[in-house]
Amino acid sequence: MLTLNIDWFQPFDRRTHSSGAIYLSINNLPRSERLKSENVILVGMMPGPKETSTDSINHYLKPLVDELLEMYIGVEMTDS
């Protein structure tokens, strides 16, 4: 089970510029372990200078959704 997170942050001091991080956390881990850097999967970054609109976020999420759908369907493994 995965949780999708989007966090906006200000990378520069004294500037009005926001960038966004898209990351996944693994819910099967204990709560104290979920958000440790070694257990977080960075999926993408959204450049500023301001927060992206809700409609535009879909464009950033499409590659992730496509991969998750492929994983959900599964991959056939064969012996060689």
PDB file of N, CA and C in Angstrom:
ATOM      1  N   MET A   1       0.853  -1.163   0.000  1.00  0.00           N
ATOM      2  CA  MET A   1       0.000   0.000   0.000  1.00  0.00           C
ATOM      3  C   MET A   1       0.904   1.234   0.000  1.00  0.00           C
ATOM      4  N   LEU A   2       0.599   2.167  -0.882  1.00  0.00           N
ATOM      5  CA  LEU A   2       1.389   3.391  -1.025  1.00  0.00           C
ATOM      6  C   LEU A   2       0.514   4.614  -0.774  1.00  0.00           C
ATOM      7  N   THR A   3       1.138   5.662  -0.258  1.00  0.00           N
ATOM      8  CA  THR A   3       0.466   6.945  -0.115  1.00  0.00           C
ATOM      9  C   THR A   3       1.189   7.954  -0.981  1.00  0.00           C
ATOM     10  N   LEU A   4       0.442   8.674  -1.805  1.00  0.00           N
ATOM     11  CA  LEU A   4       0.999   9.718  -2.654  1.00  0.00           C
ATOM     12  C   LEU A   4       1.012  11.023  -1.870  1.00  0.00           C
ATOM     13  N   ASN A   5       2.154  11.684  -1.871  1.00  0.00           N
ATOM     14  CA  ASN A   5       2.309  12.953  -1.163  1.00  0.00           C
ATOM     15  C   ASN A   5       2.799  14.013  -2.140  1.00  0.00           C
ATOM     16  N   ILE A   6       2.309  15.218  -1.990  1.00  0.00           N
ATOM     17  CA  ILE A   6       2.813  16.366  -2.737  1.00  0.00           C
ATOM     18  C   ILE A   6       3.068  17.465  -1.719  1.00  0.00           C
ATOM     19  N   ASP A   7       4.329  17.885  -1.634  1.00  0.00           N
ATOM     20  CA  ASP A   7       4.707  18.942  -0.697  1.00  0.00           C
ATOM     21  C   ASP A   7       5.353  20.087  -1.462  1.00  0.00           C
ATOM     22  N   TRP A   8       4.935  21.288  -1.131  1.00  0.00           N
ATOM     23  CA  TRP A   8       5.519  22.484  -1.726  1.00  0.00           C
ATOM     24  C   TRP A   8       6.508  23.066  -0.736  1.00  0.00           C
ATOM     25  N   PHE A   9       7.621  23.575  -1.245  1.00  0.00           N
ATOM     26  CA  PHE A   9       8.633  24.163  -0.374  1.00  0.00           C
ATOM     27  C   PHE A   9       9.261  25.354  -1.085  1.00  0.00           C
ATOM     28  N   GLN A  10       9.906  26.198  -0.299  1.00  0.00           N
ATOM     29  CA  GLN A  10      10.554  27.391  -0.832  1.00  0.00           C
ATOM     30  C   GLN A  10      12.061  27.141  -0.827  1.00  0.00           C
ATOM     31  N   PRO A  11      12.669  26.871  -2.007  1.00  0.00           N
ATOM     32  CA  PRO A  11      14.076  26.488  -2.048  1.00  0.00           C
ATOM     33  C   PRO A  11      15.061  27.640  -1.849  1.00  0.00           C
ATOM     34  N   PHE A  12      14.618  28.872  -1.996  1.00  0.00           N
ATOM     35  CA  PHE A  12      15.522  30.011  -1.898  1.00  0.00           C
ATOM     36  C   PHE A  12      15.090  30.933  -0.769  1.00  0.00           C
ATOM     37  N   ASP A  13      16.066  31.479  -0.055  1.00  0.00           N
ATOM     38  CA  ASP A  13      15.781  32.464   0.988  1.00  0.00           C
ATOM     39  C   ASP A  13      15.417  33.797   0.345  1.00  0.00           C
ATOM     40  N   ARG A  14      14.508  34.493   0.970  1.00  0.00           N
ATOM     41  CA  ARG A  14      14.093  35.842   0.576  1.00  0.00           C
ATOM     42  C   ARG A  14      13.573  35.939  -0.860  1.00  0.00           C
ATOM     43  N   ARG A  15      13.003  34.865  -1.362  1.00  0.00           N
ATOM     44  CA  ARG A  15      12.401  34.885  -2.700  1.00  0.00           C
ATOM     45  C   ARG A  15      11.043  34.206  -2.640  1.00  0.00           C
ATOM     46  N   THR A  16      10.132  34.684  -3.442  1.00  0.00           N
ATOM     47  CA  THR A  16       8.823  34.035  -3.514  1.00  0.00           C
ATOM     48  C   THR A  16       8.838  33.046  -4.673  1.00  0.00           C
ATOM     49  N   HIS A  17       9.353  31.886  -4.413  1.00  0.00           N
ATOM     50  CA  HIS A  17       9.462  30.818  -5.406  1.00  0.00           C
ATOM     51  C   HIS A  17       9.116  29.516  -4.697  1.00  0.00           C
ATOM     52  N   SER A  18       8.162  28.771  -5.220  1.00  0.00           N
ATOM     53  CA  SER A  18       7.784  27.485  -4.637  1.00  0.00           C
ATOM     54  C   SER A  18       8.034  26.378  -5.646  1.00  0.00           C
ATOM     55  N   SER A  19       8.613  25.295  -5.179  1.00  0.00           N
ATOM     56  CA  SER A  19       8.782  24.081  -5.974  1.00  0.00           C
ATOM     57  C   SER A  19       8.058  22.965  -5.248  1.00  0.00           C
ATOM     58  N   GLY A  20       7.685  21.941  -5.987  1.00  0.00           N
ATOM     59  CA  GLY A  20       6.926  20.846  -5.379  1.00  0.00           C
ATOM     60  C   GLY A  20       7.616  19.515  -5.552  1.00  0.00           C
ATOM     61  N   ALA A  21       7.508  18.678  -4.539  1.00  0.00           N
ATOM     62  CA  ALA A  21       8.031  17.315  -4.591  1.00  0.00           C
ATOM     63  C   ALA A  21       6.853  16.348  -4.572  1.00  0.00           C
ATOM     64  N   ILE A  22       6.912  15.356  -5.453  1.00  0.00           N
ATOM     65  CA  ILE A  22       5.907  14.290  -5.482  1.00  0.00           C
ATOM     66  C   ILE A  22       6.615  13.034  -5.002  1.00  0.00           C
ATOM     67  N   TYR A  23       6.120  12.435  -3.923  1.00  0.00           N
ATOM     68  CA  TYR A  23       6.783  11.246  -3.403  1.00  0.00           C
ATOM     69  C   TYR A  23       5.776  10.248  -2.853  1.00  0.00           C
ATOM     70  N   LEU A  24       6.219   9.003  -2.770  1.00  0.00           N
ATOM     71  CA  LEU A  24       5.396   7.914  -2.247  1.00  0.00           C
ATOM     72  C   LEU A  24       5.971   7.447  -0.925  1.00  0.00           C
ATOM     73  N   SER A  25       5.100   7.126   0.011  1.00  0.00           N
ATOM     74  CA  SER A  25       5.527   6.474   1.250  1.00  0.00           C
ATOM     75  C   SER A  25       4.856   5.101   1.314  1.00  0.00           C
ATOM     76  N   ILE A  26       5.552   4.169   1.939  1.00  0.00           N
ATOM     77  CA  ILE A  26       5.109   2.774   1.980  1.00  0.00           C
ATOM     78  C   ILE A  26       4.348   2.537   3.280  1.00  0.00           C
ATOM     79  N   ASN A  27       3.051   2.314   3.171  1.00  0.00           N
ATOM     80  CA  ASN A  27       2.205   2.169   4.359  1.00  0.00           C
ATOM     81  C   ASN A  27       2.391   0.852   5.094  1.00  0.00           C
ATOM     82  N   ASN A  28       3.005  -0.142   4.461  1.00  0.00           N
ATOM     83  CA  ASN A  28       3.205  -1.433   5.116  1.00  0.00           C
ATOM     84  C   ASN A  28       4.307  -1.371   6.170  1.00  0.00           C
ATOM     85  N   LEU A  29       5.039  -0.277   6.214  1.00  0.00           N
ATOM     86  CA  LEU A  29       6.089  -0.107   7.218  1.00  0.00           C
ATOM     87  C   LEU A  29       5.481   0.452   8.500  1.00  0.00           C
ATOM     88  N   PRO A  30       6.158   0.251   9.632  1.00  0.00           N
ATOM     89  CA  PRO A  30       5.680   0.883  10.866  1.00  0.00           C
ATOM     90  C   PRO A  30       5.642   2.407  10.698  1.00  0.00           C
ATOM     91  N   ARG A  31       4.716   3.033  11.369  1.00  0.00           N
ATOM     92  CA  ARG A  31       4.530   4.485  11.245  1.00  0.00           C
ATOM     93  C   ARG A  31       5.831   5.257  11.484  1.00  0.00           C
ATOM     94  N   SER A  32       6.648   4.794  12.407  1.00  0.00           N
ATOM     95  CA  SER A  32       7.900   5.491  12.723  1.00  0.00           C
ATOM     96  C   SER A  32       8.935   5.377  11.607  1.00  0.00           C
ATOM     97  N   GLU A  33       8.742   4.458  10.664  1.00  0.00           N
ATOM     98  CA  GLU A  33       9.704   4.225   9.582  1.00  0.00           C
ATOM     99  C   GLU A  33       9.258   4.799   8.238  1.00  0.00           C
ATOM    100  N   ARG A  34       7.996   5.114   8.079  1.00  0.00           N
ATOM    101  CA  ARG A  34       7.426   5.452   6.769  1.00  0.00           C
ATOM    102  C   ARG A  34       8.072   6.642   6.086  1.00  0.00           C
ATOM    103  N   LEU A  35       8.350   7.696   6.815  1.00  0.00           N
ATOM    104  CA  LEU A  35       8.837   8.922   6.186  1.00  0.00           C
ATOM    105  C   LEU A  35      10.336   9.124   6.345  1.00  0.00           C
ATOM    106  N   LYS A  36      11.062   8.086   6.715  1.00  0.00           N
ATOM    107  CA  LYS A  36      12.520   8.178   6.733  1.00  0.00           C
ATOM    108  C   LYS A  36      13.001   8.212   5.287  1.00  0.00           C
ATOM    109  N   SER A  37      14.070   8.952   5.047  1.00  0.00           N
ATOM    110  CA  SER A  37      14.518   9.164   3.662  1.00  0.00           C
ATOM    111  C   SER A  37      14.784   7.867   2.911  1.00  0.00           C
ATOM    112  N   GLU A  38      15.265   6.846   3.602  1.00  0.00           N
ATOM    113  CA  GLU A  38      15.549   5.581   2.917  1.00  0.00           C
ATOM    114  C   GLU A  38      14.280   4.815   2.537  1.00  0.00           C
ATOM    115  N   ASN A  39      13.129   5.233   3.046  1.00  0.00           N
ATOM    116  CA  ASN A  39      11.868   4.541   2.769  1.00  0.00           C
ATOM    117  C   ASN A  39      10.898   5.364   1.924  1.00  0.00           C
ATOM    118  N   VAL A  40      11.340   6.505   1.440  1.00  0.00           N
ATOM    119  CA  VAL A  40      10.492   7.386   0.636  1.00  0.00           C
ATOM    120  C   VAL A  40      10.952   7.310  -0.816  1.00  0.00           C
ATOM    121  N   ILE A  41      10.009   7.233  -1.739  1.00  0.00           N
ATOM    122  CA  ILE A  41      10.315   7.140  -3.166  1.00  0.00           C
ATOM    123  C   ILE A  41       9.980   8.480  -3.814  1.00  0.00           C
ATOM    124  N   LEU A  42      11.006   9.204  -4.244  1.00  0.00           N
ATOM    125  CA  LEU A  42      10.784  10.472  -4.938  1.00  0.00           C
ATOM    126  C   LEU A  42      10.336  10.167  -6.360  1.00  0.00           C
ATOM    127  N   VAL A  43       9.148  10.613  -6.700  1.00  0.00           N
ATOM    128  CA  VAL A  43       8.549  10.311  -8.001  1.00  0.00           C
ATOM    129  C   VAL A  43       8.823  11.431  -8.999  1.00  0.00           C
ATOM    130  N   GLY A  44       8.805  12.671  -8.544  1.00  0.00           N
ATOM    131  CA  GLY A  44       9.016  13.784  -9.459  1.00  0.00           C
ATOM    132  C   GLY A  44       9.092  15.107  -8.733  1.00  0.00           C
ATOM    133  N   MET A  45       9.512  16.118  -9.479  1.00  0.00           N
ATOM    134  CA  MET A  45       9.598  17.481  -8.966  1.00  0.00           C
ATOM    135  C   MET A  45       8.782  18.386  -9.882  1.00  0.00           C
ATOM    136  N   MET A  46       8.131  19.375  -9.277  1.00  0.00           N
ATOM    137  CA  MET A  46       7.379  20.367 -10.040  1.00  0.00           C
ATOM    138  C   MET A  46       8.066  21.712  -9.849  1.00  0.00           C
ATOM    139  N   PRO A  47       8.545  22.316 -10.942  1.00  0.00           N
ATOM    140  CA  PRO A  47       9.257  23.581 -10.818  1.00  0.00           C
ATOM    141  C   PRO A  47       8.305  24.731 -10.506  1.00  0.00           C
ATOM    142  N   GLY A  48       8.847  25.796  -9.980  1.00  0.00           N
ATOM    143  CA  GLY A  48       8.065  26.985  -9.669  1.00  0.00           C
ATOM    144  C   GLY A  48       7.879  27.846 -10.901  1.00  0.00           C
ATOM    145  N   PRO A  49       7.674  29.103 -10.742  1.00  0.00           N
ATOM    146  CA  PRO A  49       7.908  29.876  -9.527  1.00  0.00           C
ATOM    147  C   PRO A  49       6.755  29.875  -8.532  1.00  0.00           C
ATOM    148  N   LYS A  50       5.622  29.274  -8.895  1.00  0.00           N
ATOM    149  CA  LYS A  50       4.506  29.216  -7.950  1.00  0.00           C
ATOM    150  C   LYS A  50       3.908  27.817  -7.989  1.00  0.00           C
ATOM    151  N   GLU A  51       3.052  27.530  -7.030  1.00  0.00           N
ATOM    152  CA  GLU A  51       2.422  26.212  -6.968  1.00  0.00           C
ATOM    153  C   GLU A  51       1.597  25.955  -8.229  1.00  0.00           C
ATOM    154  N   THR A  52       1.690  24.728  -8.719  1.00  0.00           N
ATOM    155  CA  THR A  52       0.982  24.317  -9.927  1.00  0.00           C
ATOM    156  C   THR A  52      -0.505  24.161  -9.633  1.00  0.00           C
ATOM    157  N   SER A  53      -1.337  24.483 -10.610  1.00  0.00           N
ATOM    158  CA  SER A  53      -2.783  24.319 -10.428  1.00  0.00           C
ATOM    159  C   SER A  53      -3.134  22.835 -10.333  1.00  0.00           C
ATOM    160  N   THR A  54      -4.277  22.555  -9.766  1.00  0.00           N
ATOM    161  CA  THR A  54      -4.725  21.172  -9.602  1.00  0.00           C
ATOM    162  C   THR A  54      -4.819  20.458 -10.948  1.00  0.00           C
ATOM    163  N   ASP A  55      -5.300  21.142 -11.974  1.00  0.00           N
ATOM    164  CA  ASP A  55      -5.400  20.526 -13.300  1.00  0.00           C
ATOM    165  C   ASP A  55      -4.026  20.205 -13.875  1.00  0.00           C
ATOM    166  N   SER A  56      -3.059  21.074 -13.658  1.00  0.00           N
ATOM    167  CA  SER A  56      -1.715  20.861 -14.200  1.00  0.00           C
ATOM    168  C   SER A  56      -0.986  19.726 -13.497  1.00  0.00           C
ATOM    169  N   ILE A  57      -1.313  19.472 -12.246  1.00  0.00           N
ATOM    170  CA  ILE A  57      -0.654  18.386 -11.508  1.00  0.00           C
ATOM    171  C   ILE A  57      -0.903  17.052 -12.197  1.00  0.00           C
ATOM    172  N   ASN A  58      -2.047  16.895 -12.845  1.00  0.00           N
ATOM    173  CA  ASN A  58      -2.349  15.645 -13.554  1.00  0.00           C
ATOM    174  C   ASN A  58      -1.288  15.306 -14.590  1.00  0.00           C
ATOM    175  N   HIS A  59      -0.716  16.311 -15.245  1.00  0.00           N
ATOM    176  CA  HIS A  59       0.331  16.069 -16.240  1.00  0.00           C
ATOM    177  C   HIS A  59       1.586  15.504 -15.583  1.00  0.00           C
ATOM    178  N   TYR A  60       1.892  15.956 -14.376  1.00  0.00           N
ATOM    179  CA  TYR A  60       3.055  15.441 -13.654  1.00  0.00           C
ATOM    180  C   TYR A  60       2.801  14.023 -13.135  1.00  0.00           C
ATOM    181  N   LEU A  61       1.552  13.714 -12.823  1.00  0.00           N
ATOM    182  CA  LEU A  61       1.217  12.409 -12.250  1.00  0.00           C
ATOM    183  C   LEU A  61       1.009  11.316 -13.296  1.00  0.00           C
ATOM    184  N   LYS A  62       0.783  11.676 -14.550  1.00  0.00           N
ATOM    185  CA  LYS A  62       0.477  10.679 -15.581  1.00  0.00           C
ATOM    186  C   LYS A  62       1.534   9.580 -15.697  1.00  0.00           C
ATOM    187  N   PRO A  63       2.839   9.882 -15.767  1.00  0.00           N
ATOM    188  CA  PRO A  63       3.825   8.791 -15.859  1.00  0.00           C
ATOM    189  C   PRO A  63       3.761   7.842 -14.661  1.00  0.00           C
ATOM    190  N   LEU A  64       3.545   8.382 -13.470  1.00  0.00           N
ATOM    191  CA  LEU A  64       3.429   7.542 -12.274  1.00  0.00           C
ATOM    192  C   LEU A  64       2.203   6.645 -12.365  1.00  0.00           C
ATOM    193  N   VAL A  65       1.069   7.217 -12.732  1.00  0.00           N
ATOM    194  CA  VAL A  65      -0.171   6.437 -12.834  1.00  0.00           C
ATOM    195  C   VAL A  65      -0.015   5.328 -13.868  1.00  0.00           C
ATOM    196  N   ASP A  66       0.620   5.642 -14.997  1.00  0.00           N
ATOM    197  CA  ASP A  66       0.837   4.623 -16.030  1.00  0.00           C
ATOM    198  C   ASP A  66       1.664   3.457 -15.492  1.00  0.00           C
ATOM    199  N   GLU A  67       2.729   3.753 -14.751  1.00  0.00           N
ATOM    200  CA  GLU A  67       3.570   2.689 -14.189  1.00  0.00           C
ATOM    201  C   GLU A  67       2.838   1.893 -13.115  1.00  0.00           C
ATOM    202  N   LEU A  68       2.067   2.575 -12.279  1.00  0.00           N
ATOM    203  CA  LEU A  68       1.328   1.867 -11.234  1.00  0.00           C
ATOM    204  C   LEU A  68       0.264   0.952 -11.839  1.00  0.00           C
ATOM    205  N   LEU A  69      -0.376   1.388 -12.917  1.00  0.00           N
ATOM    206  CA  LEU A  69      -1.352   0.530 -13.597  1.00  0.00           C
ATOM    207  C   LEU A  69      -0.673  -0.703 -14.180  1.00  0.00           C
ATOM    208  N   GLU A  70       0.507  -0.523 -14.745  1.00  0.00           N
ATOM    209  CA  GLU A  70       1.255  -1.658 -15.288  1.00  0.00           C
ATOM    210  C   GLU A  70       1.629  -2.638 -14.171  1.00  0.00           C
ATOM    211  N   MET A  71       2.034  -2.111 -13.023  1.00  0.00           N
ATOM    212  CA  MET A  71       2.372  -2.974 -11.889  1.00  0.00           C
ATOM    213  C   MET A  71       1.132  -3.690 -11.361  1.00  0.00           C
ATOM    214  N   TYR A  72      -0.006  -3.012 -11.363  1.00  0.00           N
ATOM    215  CA  TYR A  72      -1.248  -3.604 -10.873  1.00  0.00           C
ATOM    216  C   TYR A  72      -1.660  -4.794 -11.738  1.00  0.00           C
ATOM    217  N   ILE A  73      -1.537  -4.619 -13.052  1.00  0.00           N
ATOM    218  CA  ILE A  73      -1.862  -5.704 -13.984  1.00  0.00           C
ATOM    219  C   ILE A  73      -0.887  -6.856 -13.801  1.00  0.00           C
ATOM    220  N   GLY A  74       0.377  -6.530 -13.574  1.00  0.00           N
ATOM    221  CA  GLY A  74       1.394  -7.551 -13.343  1.00  0.00           C
ATOM    222  C   GLY A  74       2.229  -7.819 -14.578  1.00  0.00           C
ATOM    223  N   VAL A  75       3.342  -8.480 -14.352  1.00  0.00           N
ATOM    224  CA  VAL A  75       4.260  -8.848 -15.417  1.00  0.00           C
ATOM    225  C   VAL A  75       4.425 -10.352 -15.370  1.00  0.00           C
ATOM    226  N   GLU A  76       4.262 -10.995 -16.512  1.00  0.00           N
ATOM    227  CA  GLU A  76       4.387 -12.446 -16.558  1.00  0.00           C
ATOM    228  C   GLU A  76       5.862 -12.835 -16.500  1.00  0.00           C
ATOM    229  N   MET A  77       6.179 -13.741 -15.602  1.00  0.00           N
ATOM    230  CA  MET A  77       7.550 -14.240 -15.457  1.00  0.00           C
ATOM    231  C   MET A  77       7.596 -15.656 -16.009  1.00  0.00           C
ATOM    232  N   THR A  78       8.635 -15.959 -16.774  1.00  0.00           N
ATOM    233  CA  THR A  78       8.796 -17.307 -17.313  1.00  0.00           C
ATOM    234  C   THR A  78      10.186 -17.826 -16.983  1.00  0.00           C
ATOM    235  N   ASP A  79      10.308 -19.136 -16.884  1.00  0.00           N
ATOM    236  CA  ASP A  79      11.620 -19.754 -16.700  1.00  0.00           C
ATOM    237  C   ASP A  79      12.325 -19.768 -18.044  1.00  0.00           C
ATOM    238  N   SER A  80      13.611 -19.514 -18.013  1.00  0.00           N
ATOM    239  CA  SER A  80      14.336 -19.546 -19.287  1.00  0.00           C
ATOM    240  C   SER A  80      15.184 -20.782 -19.420  1.00  0.00           C
TER     241      SER A  80
END
